[in-house]
Each structure stands twice: as structure tokens, then as C-alpha cells.
Amino acid sequence: GTAVVLQDQAYLWTDGRYFIQAAQELKESGVVLQKMGEPEVPTIEEFLKKELTDQGVIGFDGRTVGVAKGQEYAEIAADKGGSVRYDLDLVDEIWEERPPLSEKPAFLLDIRYAGETVEKKLSRVRKAMEEQKADVLVITSLDDIGWLLNIRGNDVEYFPLLLSYAVVGKDRVDLYADERKFSGEILAHFQENHVKVYPYDDIYERMKRFTKDETVMLDPEQMNYALFSNLSGEVSKVQAENPILMMKAVKNPVEAENIRNAHIKDGIAHTKFMYWLKTTIGKERITELSASAKLEALRGMQEHFL
């Protein structure tokens, strides 16, 4: 959902999956539920156009809003003679004991699983950059960074991703991530491929440092508004689809074989699970949670389970 907070009222927009839950949890909170898609319920943009006062300011955390949405908010504010502030994380200022970002270690994806070296992948990406006459490519999508550098992480539950940003140049890659997550082996792997690690949040200052002599390639569909807005107006931009998307979509023979192996392993686990279910039902109490735990345990018996 999306929360919109005014000086004297607060609203939550969410869709039909959460109407009942939201109504229960917002009861007596003072937050008004806005049921998205229902008749007479305005969109957030319609609401802002109506509620924003002349010369009003729309504030949001630009790290969590996409380029197109941020530009739309800016247009709404401009129509009222106002502006946007995209550098605000006001919730963070009052959130006591907020959990820190993940510090779990990253790991290398061996060539026997990746099927292609980082050197070869970078060569393909740089060729795509050359075709667009770009000097650098800014990558913000975690799965694409993991694919390009053959690394994985444990920063996002249920996905093997590493919190990071990457800037690919003609002869080096600047990776913005928590260096504490990288073993000596990974750092040596980076050095081989001319990858230099910088603090995660430094990417925002880096965007400000691009010069008018550099052409920056970026995918506005994958970039947040703060990063995009931090680029100087003098910088030449090539707004194009991230070339890694199509490269990643076409699996090499090693990846294809590994996908088949993974499905076979999962099929074995499922077959064992169905046998367990049929022979155990009625003998012990089985819930959705206990059944899920059993299936995970059977998957865990397979070699290379993560």
C-alpha cells in the first residue's frame, strides 16, 4: 500500500487483497482506508491534485519512488506553483530501534552454475553501451547486478540478492555495497575483473559527480527518482532498456541444464511429499504450516539445497 499524510489527516491506499485486513488494523487509528479501484475512490494522483494547496510541497523518499511516478508528483506540484522534496525519510526520524540493513555475507556463483565468466558478460554489456554511444551504464536492479558479477546475497528474504548499485565504465565497474559482506575470495574475484567496491549509499553522491563530458546510460523503468534527479542537467543521458534484461533472459547451456536438474530434484521432493501426505493423513494433525515445513525438509535433503 501507499500512505499519504497531511497535516491533520492520514490515508492508506491498498488493493482488494487487503481491504478486510486493512479495515481491521486501521480501526480507531485515525488513518482513513482508500480502497483502490472502488467507485468514488480517487487515485493518489487525483487526491493530491485536489488536496495540495497553492505553492504546496509534496514530500517523499525518492529512493522508494520510480522516475515516472516522481515526475508525475513534480508536475502536480508545479501546476499549483509548488515543488517536491524527494530527499525526505521522515519515518526514519521517528522510528526507534529500526532494524538495520542486512549484514549477511554474499557468495560467489561458480562458473559451473553461471556458465559464463564475468569478463565475457562485461564485454557483451560494453558492446551494447558502445552501440548507444554511452560512456557508463548505471544498474540499479539487484538481479541484474548479481547476474553480471556472478555473485549472490542473502539480503532479501526468499531471493538470493545483494543490496547494491553498479556503475559500469569502459574499463572498470564501481560496485556500491557493504564491503563487509565480501570474503577474500570475492574481493580477489572483483580485482580480477576490475571491480571496485564503495559504500552502498555513496551512489547518490556519485550521480552528482558525472560531468557534461560523460554520456550516462540508464533505464528509467528500473531507476528511483532520487538517483535520476541527482544527475546534473548538463549530463548527456541515454534512456534505454537495460541491456542485461535480454542477455539474462536467454539461458546458456549450463544454466539450462542446471534448471532441468533443479526441476528434477524438486519433482523428487514433491513426490516424496505426496507419499508422506497420503500415508500420514488421519494419523497425525497436519496444518498448512506443518505441511510446508515437511516439504522444505524434503527439499533440503537434495544436494546443493539453499
Protein backbone atom coordinates (compact mmCIF):
# COMPACT_ATOMS: atom_id res chain seq x y z
CA GLY A 1 0.00 0.00 0.00
CA THR A 2 0.83 3.69 -0.10
CA ALA A 3 0.35 6.11 2.79
CA VAL A 4 -0.41 9.79 2.24
CA VAL A 5 -0.05 12.02 5.31
CA LEU A 6 -1.45 15.55 5.55
CA GLN A 7 -1.09 17.98 8.45
CA ASP A 8 -4.35 16.85 10.07
CA GLN A 9 -5.23 13.53 8.40
CA ALA A 10 -3.65 10.34 7.05
CA TYR A 11 -4.78 7.91 4.36
CA LEU A 12 -3.80 4.45 3.17
CA TRP A 13 -4.34 3.26 -0.40
CA THR A 14 -4.34 -0.51 -0.84
CA ASP A 15 -5.93 -3.03 -3.20
CA GLY A 16 -8.63 -5.68 -2.84
CA ARG A 17 -6.27 -8.30 -1.37
CA TYR A 18 -6.04 -6.24 1.83
CA PHE A 19 -9.39 -4.47 2.24
CA ILE A 20 -10.55 -6.65 5.16
CA GLN A 21 -7.17 -6.77 6.90
CA ALA A 22 -6.57 -3.03 6.48
CA ALA A 23 -10.03 -2.14 7.80
CA GLN A 24 -9.39 -4.24 10.93
CA GLU A 25 -5.87 -2.98 11.56
CA LEU A 26 -6.65 0.70 10.89
CA LYS A 27 -9.70 0.71 13.18
CA GLU A 28 -9.54 3.70 15.58
CA SER A 29 -6.06 4.63 14.26
CA GLY A 30 -7.26 7.82 12.59
CA VAL A 31 -5.95 6.54 9.24
CA VAL A 32 -8.61 6.51 6.51
CA LEU A 33 -8.65 3.47 4.22
CA GLN A 34 -8.88 4.21 0.49
CA LYS A 35 -9.97 1.08 -1.38
CA MET A 36 -8.13 1.24 -4.70
CA GLY A 37 -10.24 0.62 -7.79
CA GLU A 38 -13.57 1.05 -5.98
CA PRO A 39 -16.15 3.55 -7.33
CA GLU A 40 -15.80 7.07 -5.90
CA VAL A 41 -12.30 6.34 -4.54
CA PRO A 42 -9.79 8.76 -6.09
CA THR A 43 -6.35 7.68 -7.21
CA ILE A 44 -3.45 9.09 -5.20
CA GLU A 45 -2.70 11.49 -8.05
CA GLU A 46 -6.33 12.73 -8.17
CA PHE A 47 -6.27 13.16 -4.40
CA LEU A 48 -3.03 15.18 -4.50
CA LYS A 49 -4.35 17.45 -7.23
CA LYS A 50 -7.40 18.22 -5.08
CA GLU A 51 -5.74 18.49 -1.66
CA LEU A 52 -2.44 20.22 -2.45
CA THR A 53 -2.65 23.90 -1.64
CA ASP A 54 -1.20 26.68 -3.81
CA GLN A 55 2.60 26.63 -3.62
CA GLY A 56 2.33 23.41 -1.64
CA VAL A 57 5.17 20.92 -1.32
CA ILE A 58 4.87 17.14 -1.85
CA GLY A 59 7.50 15.30 0.17
CA PHE A 60 8.57 11.69 -0.36
CA ASP A 61 11.59 9.42 -0.08
CA GLY A 62 12.90 9.48 -3.65
CA ARG A 63 14.75 6.20 -3.08
CA THR A 64 11.40 4.39 -2.96
CA VAL A 65 9.62 6.12 -5.85
CA GLY A 66 10.24 5.38 -9.52
CA VAL A 67 11.25 8.01 -12.07
CA ALA A 68 7.86 8.22 -13.82
CA LYS A 69 5.90 8.46 -10.55
CA GLY A 70 8.26 11.10 -9.14
CA GLN A 71 7.92 13.16 -12.32
CA GLU A 72 4.14 12.90 -12.05
CA TYR A 73 4.24 14.21 -8.45
CA ALA A 74 6.52 17.05 -9.59
CA GLU A 75 4.05 18.02 -12.35
CA ILE A 76 1.14 18.04 -9.88
CA ALA A 77 3.10 20.31 -7.54
CA ALA A 78 4.24 22.58 -10.40
CA ASP A 79 0.63 23.08 -11.51
CA LYS A 80 -0.03 24.59 -8.06
CA GLY A 81 3.11 26.71 -8.16
CA GLY A 82 4.70 24.32 -5.67
CA SER A 83 7.53 21.81 -5.64
CA VAL A 84 8.62 18.38 -4.44
CA ARG A 85 11.13 17.33 -1.78
CA TYR A 86 12.47 13.88 -2.66
CA ASP A 87 15.23 13.79 -0.04
CA LEU A 88 12.97 13.05 2.93
CA ASP A 89 12.68 9.91 5.04
CA LEU A 90 10.61 11.37 7.86
CA VAL A 91 9.51 7.96 9.14
CA ASP A 92 13.14 7.08 9.81
CA GLU A 93 13.47 10.14 12.05
CA ILE A 94 10.84 8.86 14.48
CA TRP A 95 11.26 5.07 14.05
CA GLU A 96 13.07 3.99 17.21
CA GLU A 97 15.00 0.71 17.12
CA ARG A 98 14.57 0.43 13.35
CA PRO A 99 16.20 -2.83 12.18
CA PRO A 100 19.47 -2.23 10.29
CA LEU A 101 20.04 -3.33 6.70
CA SER A 102 21.10 -6.94 6.27
CA GLU A 103 24.73 -7.77 7.05
CA LYS A 104 24.57 -11.35 5.77
CA PRO A 105 27.56 -12.45 3.68
CA ALA A 106 27.49 -12.61 -0.10
CA PHE A 107 28.71 -15.64 -2.06
CA LEU A 108 30.14 -16.36 -5.49
CA LEU A 109 28.16 -18.22 -8.11
CA ASP A 110 30.68 -20.69 -9.50
CA ILE A 111 31.19 -20.88 -13.28
CA ARG A 112 29.71 -24.41 -13.21
CA TYR A 113 26.38 -22.75 -12.35
CA ALA A 114 26.76 -19.38 -14.13
CA GLY A 115 28.10 -20.89 -17.36
CA GLU A 116 29.76 -17.63 -18.41
CA THR A 117 32.60 -15.56 -16.96
CA VAL A 118 32.20 -12.01 -15.68
CA GLU A 119 34.78 -10.92 -18.25
CA LYS A 120 32.62 -12.19 -21.13
CA LYS A 121 29.42 -10.71 -19.68
CA LEU A 122 31.07 -7.31 -19.23
CA SER A 123 32.33 -7.47 -22.81
CA ARG A 124 28.76 -8.01 -24.05
CA VAL A 125 27.40 -5.20 -21.90
CA ARG A 126 30.11 -2.79 -23.06
CA LYS A 127 29.32 -3.61 -26.67
CA ALA A 128 25.68 -2.63 -26.00
CA MET A 129 26.90 0.59 -24.36
CA GLU A 130 29.07 1.33 -27.41
CA GLU A 131 26.06 0.91 -29.69
CA GLN A 132 24.25 3.54 -27.62
CA LYS A 133 27.38 5.77 -27.58
CA ALA A 134 27.37 5.64 -23.75
CA ASP A 135 30.43 6.01 -21.53
CA VAL A 136 28.84 4.50 -18.44
CA LEU A 137 25.83 2.33 -17.58
CA VAL A 138 24.08 2.72 -14.22
CA ILE A 139 22.49 -0.53 -12.98
CA THR A 140 20.05 -0.42 -10.07
CA SER A 141 18.30 -3.82 -10.39
CA LEU A 142 19.72 -6.32 -7.88
CA ASP A 143 19.16 -9.42 -10.01
CA ASP A 144 20.99 -7.86 -12.98
CA ILE A 145 23.98 -6.90 -10.82
CA GLY A 146 24.10 -10.44 -9.42
CA TRP A 147 23.96 -11.91 -12.94
CA LEU A 148 26.65 -9.59 -14.30
CA LEU A 149 29.17 -10.15 -11.50
CA ASN A 150 28.28 -13.81 -10.74
CA ILE A 151 27.56 -13.00 -7.10
CA ARG A 152 24.59 -13.72 -4.87
CA GLY A 153 23.50 -12.49 -1.45
CA ASN A 154 21.06 -13.06 1.39
CA ASP A 155 19.74 -9.53 1.84
CA VAL A 156 16.17 -10.07 0.62
CA GLU A 157 14.02 -12.82 2.08
CA TYR A 158 13.24 -15.60 -0.46
CA PHE A 159 15.59 -14.14 -3.12
CA PRO A 160 19.39 -14.64 -3.37
CA LEU A 161 20.08 -10.94 -3.88
CA LEU A 162 22.66 -8.44 -2.64
CA LEU A 163 21.72 -4.83 -1.83
CA SER A 164 23.84 -2.92 -4.32
CA TYR A 165 24.16 -0.47 -7.20
CA ALA A 166 26.67 -0.69 -10.05
CA VAL A 167 28.22 1.76 -12.49
CA VAL A 168 29.81 0.04 -15.49
CA GLY A 169 32.51 2.03 -17.27
CA LYS A 170 34.63 1.18 -20.29
CA ASP A 171 37.39 -0.41 -18.23
CA ARG A 172 36.08 -0.75 -14.67
CA VAL A 173 32.98 -1.38 -12.58
CA ASP A 174 32.15 0.58 -9.44
CA LEU A 175 30.04 -1.54 -7.08
CA TYR A 176 28.18 0.22 -4.27
CA ALA A 177 27.59 -2.32 -1.49
CA ASP A 178 28.59 -3.19 2.07
CA GLU A 179 32.18 -4.43 1.71
CA ARG A 180 31.89 -6.42 4.96
CA LYS A 181 29.73 -8.92 3.09
CA PHE A 182 32.58 -9.93 0.78
CA SER A 183 35.10 -12.66 1.57
CA GLY A 184 38.72 -12.51 0.47
CA GLU A 185 37.81 -14.85 -2.38
CA ILE A 186 35.10 -12.50 -3.65
CA LEU A 187 37.36 -9.43 -3.35
CA ALA A 188 40.03 -11.27 -5.39
CA HIS A 189 37.31 -12.14 -7.95
CA PHE A 190 36.42 -8.43 -8.10
CA GLN A 191 40.05 -7.40 -8.54
CA GLU A 192 40.45 -9.80 -11.47
CA ASN A 193 37.51 -8.14 -13.20
CA HIS A 194 38.44 -4.53 -12.27
CA VAL A 195 35.51 -4.15 -9.87
CA LYS A 196 36.00 -1.60 -7.09
CA VAL A 197 33.73 -1.54 -4.02
CA TYR A 198 32.34 1.68 -2.49
CA PRO A 199 29.90 2.25 0.42
CA TYR A 200 26.29 1.45 -0.52
CA ASP A 201 24.80 4.94 -0.07
CA ASP A 202 27.66 6.72 -1.86
CA ILE A 203 25.87 6.07 -5.17
CA TYR A 204 23.74 9.20 -4.61
CA GLU A 205 26.79 11.47 -4.45
CA ARG A 206 28.34 9.62 -7.39
CA MET A 207 25.34 10.54 -9.55
CA LYS A 208 26.06 14.21 -8.85
CA ARG A 209 29.67 13.84 -9.99
CA PHE A 210 29.04 12.80 -13.59
CA THR A 211 30.27 15.55 -15.92
CA LYS A 212 28.98 17.04 -19.16
CA ASP A 213 31.77 15.15 -20.96
CA GLU A 214 30.21 11.79 -19.99
CA THR A 215 27.18 10.11 -21.56
CA VAL A 216 25.25 8.12 -18.94
CA MET A 217 23.05 5.21 -20.00
CA LEU A 218 20.16 4.34 -17.69
CA ASP A 219 16.84 2.54 -17.70
CA PRO A 220 14.18 4.90 -16.23
CA GLU A 221 11.90 1.89 -15.66
CA GLN A 222 14.43 0.49 -13.17
CA MET A 223 15.71 3.66 -11.51
CA ASN A 224 14.42 5.56 -8.50
CA TYR A 225 13.58 9.25 -8.65
CA ALA A 226 16.35 10.35 -6.25
CA LEU A 227 19.11 8.81 -8.36
CA PHE A 228 17.67 10.26 -11.56
CA SER A 229 17.23 13.72 -10.04
CA ASN A 230 20.78 13.75 -8.67
CA LEU A 231 22.13 13.71 -12.23
CA SER A 232 23.18 17.18 -13.34
CA GLY A 233 21.11 18.73 -16.12
CA GLU A 234 24.32 19.15 -18.10
CA VAL A 235 24.96 15.40 -18.25
CA SER A 236 24.06 13.67 -21.51
CA LYS A 237 21.62 10.83 -20.82
CA VAL A 238 20.75 7.79 -22.90
CA GLN A 239 17.43 6.48 -21.60
CA ALA A 240 17.17 2.92 -22.87
CA GLU A 241 16.20 -0.55 -21.71
CA ASN A 242 18.84 -2.16 -19.51
CA PRO A 243 20.71 -4.45 -21.99
CA ILE A 244 21.19 -7.11 -19.30
CA LEU A 245 17.45 -7.88 -19.32
CA MET A 246 17.57 -9.70 -22.66
CA MET A 247 21.02 -11.19 -22.07
CA LYS A 248 19.81 -12.71 -18.81
CA ALA A 249 16.59 -13.97 -20.39
CA VAL A 250 18.46 -16.22 -22.85
CA LYS A 251 19.88 -19.10 -20.81
CA ASN A 252 23.24 -20.57 -21.76
CA PRO A 253 23.59 -24.39 -21.97
CA VAL A 254 24.99 -24.66 -18.42
CA GLU A 255 22.10 -22.62 -16.96
CA ALA A 256 19.53 -24.62 -18.95
CA GLU A 257 20.97 -27.93 -17.72
CA ASN A 258 21.02 -26.68 -14.14
CA ILE A 259 17.39 -25.56 -14.40
CA ARG A 260 16.44 -29.06 -15.59
CA ASN A 261 18.40 -30.60 -12.69
CA ALA A 262 16.68 -28.29 -10.22
CA HIS A 263 13.24 -29.31 -11.53
CA ILE A 264 14.12 -33.00 -11.24
CA LYS A 265 15.25 -32.52 -7.65
CA ASP A 266 12.11 -30.57 -6.83
CA GLY A 267 9.98 -33.25 -8.50
CA ILE A 268 11.58 -35.90 -6.27
CA ALA A 269 10.88 -33.79 -3.18
CA HIS A 270 7.24 -33.29 -4.25
CA THR A 271 6.76 -36.99 -4.97
CA LYS A 272 8.08 -37.88 -1.51
CA PHE A 273 5.84 -35.18 -0.03
CA MET A 274 2.71 -36.58 -1.71
CA TYR A 275 3.58 -40.09 -0.48
CA TRP A 276 4.08 -38.73 3.07
CA LEU A 277 0.79 -36.83 2.91
CA LYS A 278 -1.21 -39.85 1.70
CA THR A 279 0.27 -42.24 4.26
CA THR A 280 0.21 -39.80 7.21
CA ILE A 281 -3.15 -38.08 6.86
CA GLY A 282 -5.52 -39.18 9.60
CA LYS A 283 -2.64 -40.43 11.75
CA GLU A 284 -1.42 -37.03 12.87
CA ARG A 285 -2.63 -33.45 12.70
CA ILE A 286 -1.34 -31.75 9.54
CA THR A 287 -1.67 -27.99 9.07
CA GLU A 288 -0.62 -25.75 6.21
CA LEU A 289 2.42 -24.75 8.26
CA SER A 290 3.50 -28.26 9.18
CA ALA A 291 2.96 -29.47 5.60
CA SER A 292 5.06 -26.57 4.29
CA ALA A 293 7.81 -27.39 6.79
CA LYS A 294 7.77 -31.04 5.70
CA LEU A 295 8.10 -30.10 2.03
CA GLU A 296 11.02 -27.79 2.82
CA ALA A 297 12.72 -30.56 4.81
CA LEU A 298 12.36 -32.94 1.85
CA ARG A 299 13.79 -30.31 -0.49
CA GLY A 300 16.63 -29.84 2.00
CA MET A 301 17.63 -33.48 1.55
CA GLN A 302 18.57 -32.76 -2.07
CA GLU A 303 22.21 -31.97 -2.87
CA HIS A 304 23.12 -28.25 -3.13
CA PHE A 305 19.89 -27.12 -1.46
CA LEU A 306 19.88 -23.46 -0.45
